Protein backbone atom coordinates (compact mmCIF):
# COMPACT_ATOMS: atom_id res chain seq x y z
CA UNK A 1 225.23 160.44 65.74
CA UNK A 2 222.24 162.70 65.70
CA UNK A 3 218.78 161.71 66.85
CA UNK A 4 217.60 161.07 63.30
CA UNK A 5 220.45 158.62 62.70
CA UNK A 6 219.73 156.79 65.93
CA UNK A 7 216.10 156.52 65.00
CA UNK A 8 216.95 155.03 61.62
CA UNK A 9 219.25 152.42 63.18
CA UNK A 10 216.61 151.46 65.72
CA UNK A 11 214.01 151.11 62.96
CA UNK A 12 216.37 148.93 60.91
CA UNK A 13 217.05 146.69 63.89
CA UNK A 14 213.32 146.32 64.57
CA UNK A 15 212.65 145.40 60.94
CA UNK A 16 215.40 142.76 61.02
CA UNK A 17 214.01 141.33 64.28
CA UNK A 18 210.46 141.19 62.90
CA UNK A 19 211.68 139.49 59.74
CA UNK A 20 213.53 136.85 61.75
CA UNK A 21 210.46 136.31 63.95
CA UNK A 22 208.21 135.81 60.93
CA UNK A 23 210.68 133.39 59.34
CA UNK A 24 210.97 131.43 62.58
CA UNK A 25 207.19 131.31 62.91
CA UNK A 26 206.79 130.13 59.32
CA UNK A 27 209.44 127.45 59.86
CA UNK A 28 207.67 126.37 63.05
CA UNK A 29 204.28 126.02 61.33
CA UNK A 30 205.79 124.18 58.35
CA UNK A 31 207.44 121.67 60.68
CA UNK A 32 204.26 121.44 62.77
CA UNK A 33 202.11 120.81 59.71
CA UNK A 34 204.50 118.19 58.31
CA UNK A 35 204.72 116.46 61.65
CA UNK A 36 200.97 116.38 62.08
CA UNK A 37 200.35 115.24 58.51
CA UNK A 38 202.73 112.33 58.82
CA UNK A 39 201.40 111.51 62.25
CA UNK A 40 198.13 110.65 60.49
CA UNK A 41 195.94 112.08 63.23
CA UNK A 42 192.50 112.91 61.89
CA UNK A 43 192.14 115.61 64.58
CA UNK A 44 195.51 117.10 63.65
CA UNK A 45 194.64 117.04 59.96
CA UNK A 46 191.33 118.73 60.70
CA UNK A 47 193.26 121.45 62.51
CA UNK A 48 195.64 121.82 59.58
CA UNK A 49 192.73 122.21 57.20
CA UNK A 50 191.47 125.09 59.30
CA UNK A 51 194.91 126.69 59.26
CA UNK A 52 196.02 126.35 55.64
CA UNK A 53 192.95 126.14 53.39
CA UNK A 54 191.89 129.72 53.83
CA UNK A 55 188.19 130.30 53.85
CA UNK A 56 186.88 126.94 52.56
CA UNK A 57 187.68 123.38 53.54
CA UNK A 58 186.28 120.03 52.38
CA UNK A 59 185.57 117.96 55.47
CA UNK A 60 184.85 114.73 53.60
CA UNK A 61 183.33 113.24 50.46
CA UNK A 62 181.02 110.24 50.44
CA UNK A 63 180.63 108.57 47.05
CA UNK A 64 177.69 106.29 46.14
CA UNK A 65 178.89 103.92 43.44
CA UNK A 66 175.35 102.69 42.77
CA UNK A 67 173.95 106.03 41.67
CA UNK A 68 177.17 107.89 40.77
CA UNK A 69 176.41 110.65 43.24
CA UNK A 70 178.55 112.27 45.89
CA UNK A 71 177.84 114.03 49.14
CA UNK A 72 180.41 116.72 49.79
CA UNK A 73 180.74 118.27 53.23
CA UNK A 74 182.21 121.78 53.17
CA UNK A 75 183.09 124.09 56.05
CA UNK A 76 183.72 127.82 56.14
CA UNK A 77 186.80 127.79 58.35
CA UNK A 78 187.78 131.38 57.66
CA UNK A 79 186.64 134.67 59.03
CA UNK A 80 184.39 135.99 56.27
CA UNK A 81 181.21 135.04 54.47
CA UNK A 82 181.82 132.91 51.36
CA UNK A 83 179.36 133.89 48.68
CA UNK A 84 177.89 132.03 45.72
CA UNK A 85 178.73 128.39 46.33
CA UNK A 86 177.29 125.82 44.00
CA UNK A 87 176.56 127.63 40.76
CA UNK A 88 176.46 125.56 37.60
CA UNK A 89 179.95 125.33 36.12
CA UNK A 90 181.82 125.24 39.43
CA UNK A 91 183.82 122.05 39.83
CA UNK A 92 185.62 119.97 42.36
CA UNK A 93 188.74 118.16 41.14
CA UNK A 94 189.84 115.06 43.02
CA UNK A 95 193.26 113.57 42.48
CA UNK A 96 195.88 111.18 43.78
CA UNK A 97 198.89 109.70 41.94
CA UNK A 98 197.63 107.99 38.79
CA UNK A 99 194.00 108.97 39.28
CA UNK A 100 191.85 112.05 38.92
CA UNK A 101 188.23 112.92 38.31
CA UNK A 102 186.01 115.95 38.52
CA UNK A 103 182.52 116.73 39.78
CA UNK A 104 180.45 119.48 38.26
CA UNK A 105 177.55 121.16 40.00
CA UNK A 106 174.21 120.39 38.39
CA UNK A 107 171.52 122.87 39.36
CA UNK A 108 168.94 120.06 39.43
CA UNK A 109 171.04 118.01 41.84
CA UNK A 110 172.30 120.74 44.18
CA UNK A 111 169.72 121.63 46.78
CA UNK A 112 169.18 125.38 47.21
CA UNK A 113 172.07 126.32 44.93
CA UNK A 114 173.61 128.81 44.90
CA UNK A 115 173.93 129.65 48.59
CA UNK A 116 176.21 131.58 50.96
CA UNK A 117 178.40 129.75 53.46
CA UNK A 118 178.35 131.53 56.80
CA UNK A 119 181.47 131.70 58.95
CA UNK A 120 181.88 128.42 60.82
CA UNK A 121 178.99 126.80 58.93
CA UNK A 122 179.13 123.25 57.58
CA UNK A 123 176.99 122.39 54.57
CA UNK A 124 176.35 119.09 52.76
CA UNK A 125 175.85 119.05 49.01
CA UNK A 126 174.61 116.06 47.01
CA UNK A 127 176.00 116.26 43.49
CA UNK A 128 175.95 114.21 40.32
CA UNK A 129 179.24 113.08 38.84
CA UNK A 130 179.53 114.52 35.35
CA UNK A 131 182.38 113.78 32.94
CA UNK A 132 185.26 111.72 34.26
CA UNK A 133 184.57 108.37 35.89
CA UNK A 134 185.11 108.54 39.64
CA UNK A 135 184.25 104.90 40.32
CA UNK A 136 187.77 104.23 41.64
CA UNK A 137 187.29 106.63 44.54
CA UNK A 138 187.53 104.37 47.57
CA UNK A 139 187.43 104.61 51.33
CA UNK A 140 190.76 104.57 53.13
CA UNK A 141 192.84 106.34 50.46
CA UNK A 142 193.85 109.97 50.86
CA UNK A 143 193.01 112.33 48.01
CA UNK A 144 193.69 115.95 47.21
CA UNK A 145 190.69 118.05 46.29
CA UNK A 146 190.61 121.49 44.68
CA UNK A 147 187.32 123.33 44.78
CA UNK A 148 187.13 126.20 42.28
CA UNK A 149 184.71 129.10 42.55
CA UNK A 150 184.59 132.43 40.75
CA UNK A 151 185.61 134.33 43.88
CA UNK A 152 187.36 131.83 46.16
CA UNK A 153 189.15 128.51 46.13
CA UNK A 154 190.77 126.02 48.46
CA UNK A 155 192.91 122.92 48.25
CA UNK A 156 192.80 120.25 50.91
CA UNK A 157 193.31 116.57 51.59
CA UNK A 158 190.59 114.21 52.76
CA UNK A 159 189.78 110.56 53.26
CA UNK A 160 186.26 109.52 52.15
CA UNK A 161 184.37 108.46 55.27
CA UNK A 162 182.05 105.99 53.54
CA UNK A 163 181.75 104.45 50.11
CA UNK A 164 178.30 102.98 49.64
CA UNK A 165 178.29 99.78 47.64
CA UNK A 166 177.20 97.35 50.25
CA UNK A 167 174.49 95.34 51.92
CA UNK A 168 174.21 95.96 55.67
CA UNK A 169 172.66 93.45 58.05
CA UNK A 170 170.36 95.37 60.39
CA UNK A 171 169.61 94.33 63.96
CA UNK A 172 166.11 95.65 64.78
CA UNK A 173 164.78 95.17 68.30
CA UNK A 174 161.68 93.38 67.01
CA UNK A 175 161.26 91.43 63.79
CA UNK A 176 158.85 89.10 62.00
CA UNK A 177 159.69 85.43 62.34
CA UNK A 178 161.60 83.84 59.46
CA UNK A 179 159.41 83.41 56.37
CA UNK A 180 159.20 83.35 52.60
CA UNK A 181 156.56 84.18 49.93
CA UNK A 182 155.63 87.37 51.82
CA UNK A 183 155.49 90.77 50.09
CA UNK A 184 156.60 94.32 50.98
CA UNK A 185 155.94 97.84 49.69
CA UNK A 186 157.09 101.35 50.64
CA UNK A 187 154.54 103.70 52.18
CA UNK A 188 154.78 106.91 50.18
CA UNK A 189 155.78 110.08 52.01
CA UNK A 190 157.28 108.15 54.94
CA UNK A 191 160.35 106.03 55.64
CA UNK A 192 158.11 103.08 56.51
CA UNK A 193 157.60 99.76 54.74
CA UNK A 194 154.61 97.41 54.92
CA UNK A 195 155.04 93.62 55.01
CA UNK A 196 152.12 91.21 54.66
CA UNK A 197 151.65 87.45 54.82
CA UNK A 198 153.99 84.67 53.82
CA UNK A 199 154.93 81.25 55.13
CA UNK A 200 156.80 81.24 58.45
CA UNK A 201 156.18 77.60 59.34
CA UNK A 202 153.65 74.86 58.90
CA UNK A 203 150.98 77.29 57.65
CA UNK A 204 150.62 80.73 56.14
CA UNK A 205 149.91 83.91 58.11
CA UNK A 206 148.01 87.16 57.62
CA UNK A 207 150.29 89.29 59.77
CA UNK A 208 150.75 92.97 58.91
CA UNK A 209 154.13 94.40 59.92
CA UNK A 210 155.55 97.92 59.57
CA UNK A 211 159.29 98.58 59.35
CA UNK A 212 160.32 102.06 60.52
CA UNK A 213 163.68 102.94 58.98
CA UNK A 214 164.38 105.85 61.34
CA UNK A 215 163.83 103.60 64.36
CA UNK A 216 165.24 100.45 62.72
CA UNK A 217 162.37 98.48 64.16
CA UNK A 218 159.51 96.21 63.07
CA UNK A 219 156.02 96.47 64.60
CA UNK A 220 153.28 93.83 64.31
CA UNK A 221 150.03 95.78 63.87
CA UNK A 222 147.83 92.85 65.01
CA UNK A 223 144.81 94.08 63.06
CA UNK A 224 141.40 92.48 63.62
CA UNK A 225 140.36 92.97 59.97
CA UNK A 226 142.89 91.98 57.32
CA UNK A 227 143.20 89.82 54.20
CA UNK A 228 143.14 86.10 54.99
CA UNK A 229 146.38 84.23 55.62
CA UNK A 230 148.06 83.73 52.23
CA UNK A 231 151.15 83.53 50.08
CA UNK A 232 151.84 84.19 46.40
CA UNK A 233 150.02 87.53 46.56
CA UNK A 234 151.45 90.87 45.42
CA UNK A 235 151.33 94.39 46.87
CA UNK A 236 152.28 97.84 45.58
CA UNK A 237 152.39 101.47 46.73
CA UNK A 238 149.80 103.95 45.49
CA UNK A 239 151.92 106.96 44.60
CA UNK A 240 151.28 110.22 46.45
CA UNK A 241 149.23 108.76 49.32
CA UNK A 242 149.94 106.50 52.31
CA UNK A 243 148.06 103.49 50.95
CA UNK A 244 149.10 100.03 49.74
CA UNK A 245 147.18 97.80 47.31
CA UNK A 246 147.11 93.99 47.61
CA UNK A 247 145.75 91.53 45.06
CA UNK A 248 145.44 87.76 44.77
CA UNK A 249 147.43 84.94 46.32
CA UNK A 250 146.59 81.49 47.68
CA UNK A 251 145.16 80.71 51.13
CA UNK A 252 144.07 77.04 50.93
CA UNK A 253 140.65 77.84 52.40
CA UNK A 254 138.58 76.87 49.36
CA UNK A 255 136.90 80.30 49.38
CA UNK A 256 139.57 83.00 49.42
CA UNK A 257 138.02 86.50 49.23
CA UNK A 258 134.70 84.81 48.40
CA UNK A 259 136.08 83.40 45.14
CA UNK A 260 134.90 79.84 45.76
CA UNK A 261 138.52 78.74 45.32
CA UNK A 262 141.72 78.62 47.34
CA UNK A 263 143.19 81.02 44.79
CA UNK A 264 142.34 84.63 45.68
CA UNK A 265 140.99 87.53 43.60
CA UNK A 266 140.31 90.11 46.30
CA UNK A 267 141.55 93.70 45.99
CA UNK A 268 142.54 95.00 49.43
CA UNK A 269 143.69 98.48 50.46
CA UNK A 270 145.81 99.29 53.51
CA UNK A 271 145.52 102.86 54.86
CA UNK A 272 148.39 103.92 57.14
CA UNK A 273 146.59 106.97 58.57
CA UNK A 274 143.58 104.90 59.61
CA UNK A 275 145.66 101.75 60.21
CA UNK A 276 143.03 99.64 58.45
CA UNK A 277 142.64 97.07 55.68
CA UNK A 278 139.54 97.41 53.50
CA UNK A 279 138.25 94.98 50.89
CA UNK A 280 137.58 97.01 47.77
CA UNK A 281 134.80 95.97 45.36
CA UNK A 282 135.91 97.07 41.88
CA UNK A 283 133.48 96.60 38.98
CA UNK A 284 136.02 94.38 37.20
CA UNK A 285 139.22 92.68 38.29
CA UNK A 286 141.76 90.06 37.21
CA UNK A 287 140.86 86.41 37.65
CA UNK A 288 142.06 84.35 40.64
CA UNK A 289 145.84 83.76 40.58
CA UNK A 290 149.09 83.73 42.54
CA UNK A 291 152.77 84.44 41.82
CA UNK A 292 151.88 87.45 39.66
CA UNK A 293 153.78 90.77 39.93
CA UNK A 294 152.59 94.33 40.59
CA UNK A 295 154.33 97.71 40.53
CA UNK A 296 153.51 101.38 41.08
CA UNK A 297 153.32 103.63 38.01
CA UNK A 298 155.18 106.74 39.16
CA UNK A 299 153.33 110.06 39.14
CA UNK A 300 149.92 108.38 38.88
CA UNK A 301 147.47 106.60 41.18
CA UNK A 302 147.76 103.46 39.02
CA UNK A 303 149.18 99.99 39.63
CA UNK A 304 150.38 97.59 36.91
CA UNK A 305 149.78 93.83 37.23
CA UNK A 306 151.21 91.22 34.89
CA UNK A 307 151.02 87.45 34.60
CA UNK A 308 150.76 84.92 37.39
CA UNK A 309 149.76 81.30 37.90
CA UNK A 310 146.16 80.17 37.33
CA UNK A 311 144.46 77.20 39.00
CA UNK A 312 145.74 74.05 37.33
CA UNK A 313 149.31 75.43 37.34
CA UNK A 314 149.01 77.25 34.02
CA UNK A 315 150.66 80.64 33.46
CA UNK A 316 148.99 83.90 32.49
CA UNK A 317 150.03 86.71 30.10
CA UNK A 318 147.43 89.36 30.96
CA UNK A 319 148.30 93.03 31.59
CA UNK A 320 145.99 94.84 34.02
CA UNK A 321 146.01 98.40 35.35
CA UNK A 322 144.31 99.38 38.62
CA UNK A 323 143.04 102.97 38.84
CA UNK A 324 142.69 104.07 42.46
CA UNK A 325 140.46 107.05 41.63
CA UNK A 326 137.99 104.80 39.80
CA UNK A 327 138.53 101.81 42.11
CA UNK A 328 138.60 99.63 39.04
CA UNK A 329 140.86 97.23 37.18
CA UNK A 330 141.30 97.51 33.39
CA UNK A 331 142.53 94.70 31.12
CA UNK A 332 144.59 96.87 28.75
CA UNK A 333 145.48 94.14 26.19
CA UNK A 334 148.60 95.64 24.57
CA UNK A 335 149.38 94.40 21.06
CA UNK A 336 152.70 92.86 22.15
CA UNK A 337 153.49 91.57 25.62
CA UNK A 338 155.82 89.19 27.43
CA UNK A 339 154.95 85.52 27.20
CA UNK A 340 152.87 83.89 29.95
CA UNK A 341 154.87 83.44 33.15
CA UNK A 342 154.83 83.35 36.93
CA UNK A 343 157.34 84.10 39.70
CA UNK A 344 158.78 87.08 37.79
CA UNK A 345 159.54 90.50 39.30
CA UNK A 346 158.61 94.07 38.37
CA UNK A 347 159.66 97.52 39.63
CA UNK A 348 158.89 101.18 39.02
CA UNK A 349 161.22 103.22 36.80
CA UNK A 350 161.22 106.41 38.84
CA UNK A 351 160.49 109.67 37.03
CA UNK A 352 158.65 107.92 34.19
CA UNK A 353 155.35 106.11 33.63
CA UNK A 354 157.25 102.91 32.86
CA UNK A 355 157.69 99.57 34.63
CA UNK A 356 160.60 97.12 34.37
CA UNK A 357 159.96 93.35 34.27
CA UNK A 358 162.63 90.66 34.49
CA UNK A 359 162.66 86.89 34.50
CA UNK A 360 160.04 84.40 35.65
CA UNK A 361 159.13 80.86 34.73
CA UNK A 362 157.18 80.16 31.52
CA UNK A 363 155.42 76.94 30.53
CA UNK A 364 157.59 76.37 27.46
CA UNK A 365 160.67 78.49 28.10
CA UNK A 366 161.54 77.53 31.67
CA UNK A 367 163.65 80.09 33.54
CA UNK A 368 163.50 83.36 31.58
CA UNK A 369 166.25 85.99 31.26
CA UNK A 370 164.12 88.54 29.41
CA UNK A 371 164.01 92.26 30.22
CA UNK A 372 160.78 94.07 29.30
CA UNK A 373 159.60 97.68 29.78
CA UNK A 374 155.93 98.64 29.93
CA UNK A 375 154.99 102.19 28.85
CA UNK A 376 151.64 103.37 30.24
CA UNK A 377 151.28 106.32 27.82
CA UNK A 378 151.61 104.09 24.76
CA UNK A 379 150.22 100.93 26.39
CA UNK A 380 153.15 98.98 24.96
CA UNK A 381 155.57 96.33 26.15
CA UNK A 382 159.08 96.54 24.65
CA UNK A 383 161.72 93.84 25.07
CA UNK A 384 165.17 95.21 25.86
CA UNK A 385 167.98 93.04 24.53
CA UNK A 386 171.22 93.43 26.45
CA UNK A 387 174.41 91.41 25.96
CA UNK A 388 175.08 91.44 29.70
CA UNK A 389 172.18 90.47 31.95
CA UNK A 390 171.30 88.21 34.88
CA UNK A 391 170.79 84.53 34.18
CA UNK A 392 167.23 83.31 33.73
CA UNK A 393 165.57 82.92 37.10
CA UNK A 394 162.40 82.91 39.17
CA UNK A 395 161.54 83.82 42.77
CA UNK A 396 163.98 86.76 42.70
CA UNK A 397 163.17 90.26 43.97
CA UNK A 398 163.61 93.74 42.48
CA UNK A 399 163.23 97.26 43.86
CA UNK A 400 163.60 100.82 42.63
CA UNK A 401 166.41 102.99 43.96
CA UNK A 402 164.22 105.97 44.82
CA UNK A 403 164.93 109.18 42.94
CA UNK A 404 166.79 107.40 40.13
CA UNK A 405 165.90 105.34 37.07
CA UNK A 406 167.86 102.38 38.44
CA UNK A 407 166.48 99.03 39.60
CA UNK A 408 168.15 96.61 42.02
CA UNK A 409 167.79 92.82 41.61
CA UNK A 410 168.96 90.26 44.15
CA UNK A 411 169.29 86.47 44.07
CA UNK A 412 166.59 84.01 42.95
CA UNK A 413 166.42 80.45 41.66
CA UNK A 414 167.96 79.41 38.35
CA UNK A 415 167.46 75.72 37.64
CA UNK A 416 168.22 74.01 40.93
CA UNK A 417 170.68 76.68 42.02
CA UNK A 418 170.24 79.88 43.99
CA UNK A 419 172.83 82.62 43.54
CA UNK A 420 173.79 85.61 45.69
CA UNK A 421 174.22 88.03 42.80
CA UNK A 422 173.34 91.73 43.06
CA UNK A 423 172.44 93.33 39.71
CA UNK A 424 171.64 96.94 38.83
CA UNK A 425 169.57 97.95 35.80
CA UNK A 426 170.13 101.45 34.40
CA UNK A 427 167.11 102.54 32.37
CA UNK A 428 168.86 105.54 30.76
CA UNK A 429 171.69 103.35 29.52
CA UNK A 430 169.56 100.23 28.92
CA UNK A 431 172.22 98.19 30.70
CA UNK A 432 172.50 95.56 33.41
CA UNK A 433 175.65 95.57 35.57
CA UNK A 434 176.74 93.00 38.14
CA UNK A 435 177.66 94.70 41.42
CA UNK A 436 180.30 93.34 43.78
CA UNK A 437 179.28 94.61 47.23
CA UNK A 438 181.64 94.21 50.17
CA UNK A 439 178.96 92.41 52.19
CA UNK A 440 175.80 90.68 51.03
CA UNK A 441 173.01 88.36 52.15
CA UNK A 442 173.22 84.62 51.65
CA UNK A 443 171.70 83.30 48.41
CA UNK A 444 167.92 82.97 48.67
CA UNK A 445 164.58 82.91 46.87
CA UNK A 446 161.02 84.03 47.62
CA UNK A 447 162.34 86.99 49.63
CA UNK A 448 160.86 90.51 49.42
CA UNK A 449 162.49 93.85 48.60
CA UNK A 450 161.32 97.44 48.31
CA UNK A 451 162.72 100.95 48.20
CA UNK A 452 162.54 103.17 51.29
CA UNK A 453 160.81 106.34 50.12
CA UNK A 454 162.90 109.50 50.14
CA UNK A 455 166.20 107.62 50.43
CA UNK A 456 168.53 105.74 48.10
CA UNK A 457 168.15 102.60 50.22
CA UNK A 458 166.54 99.25 49.45
CA UNK A 459 165.10 97.01 52.18
CA UNK A 460 165.22 93.19 52.02
CA UNK A 461 163.53 90.81 54.42
CA UNK A 462 163.39 87.03 54.72
CA UNK A 463 163.36 84.43 51.99
CA UNK A 464 164.28 80.78 51.71
CA UNK A 465 168.00 80.07 52.10
CA UNK A 466 167.62 76.38 52.90
CA UNK A 467 165.90 77.69 56.01
CA UNK A 468 163.34 80.43 56.58
CA UNK A 469 165.31 83.66 57.01
CA UNK A 470 164.36 86.38 59.50
CA UNK A 471 167.13 88.75 58.40
CA UNK A 472 166.63 92.44 57.65
CA UNK A 473 169.14 93.85 55.17
CA UNK A 474 169.57 97.32 53.66
CA UNK A 475 171.37 98.03 50.40
CA UNK A 476 172.78 101.51 49.86
């Protein structure tokens, strides 16, 4: 055999050997992958994702059933830059046997979209669910996900790490003593919440507390100048600044805020930057009262006040607006309004100049199950009639889920019974829905709730459960 023939034989043998080596390697990795997958090791599965999903892997998906939003964590596990992630029209398809849904990118919901994903980089995207209902996506079940882009794609398996539809009992280092009839409000531009007053024992207090969400801790400010000890007052955030407005209440002194009565009519302003309370002197203001409700009108420096209880235990049906710039209250007298009531609740409808009101106790109607919306632009109250809604109640609490048009309601007193129900009002759909969280506080009344600014969380503190509660809960 000549040299050329020998060379050809050697080449053929080398090709055969390489082919066998590749086949053996492929068989090894298939068996390794199957063994790791069935072993259920999260570390092994993470390694598999890096090996088999090419350039892009989905580390996990967290789904918030309250707001129908998802947080998707993606990783560039390949060796090249992935360009143009997150353009409108790209989708993620999630499936398991008998169930599938899809998420579409919405340019208004995807921060800094589109963007490039650097090699080894992990990015989190908060998206809105659009189209199919993904409410059955639950923690603990494995799903397949296919993420489609114009220039790259990947398929992977994942287990959602957290599904938010729950109350969580917090354990701060410090906390106010158990109490009820206190009030709370978010401090705009921070993750802090102000609490004032209430009844922790034999008498009322004028304590000012700040809850810091990042630190999960309460601090008693121990201010020398503050509103008098009281209950039945109301407070609200002034949008765009770090100030809180307080009005009214009852202190039993016989001369609350210089009114000549135990019912109060003082307008107080808390300033976080200065850490001070100041008694404002507006040219006009509502009459003395307690158990009224107040709420921030989003995008303005105005506060809405409605109703309350007058001296002599009669209810009120007045609608007042406080203008921070003018330091004045205005009785706006809309043509139609809710009936006189006290112990109702109101909350901001975020992204609008509207306020939601629910429930309360009226002199003729008893426990009310009415839903009303106030529109600042038109100065109108409109009753919203829904087939499904919470039972009539008083002494409940409501709070906005920040960044959405949804309002959370918890518990309250209906007749002689307190319930532990969690309700969500959707302004866009004009619907109430009863939530079934995995954990929840005990039934209570006269508790306080507020949103935590810049998050989708709601803070609850205290209330009367048969005892004075000192619990701090967060709903997500």
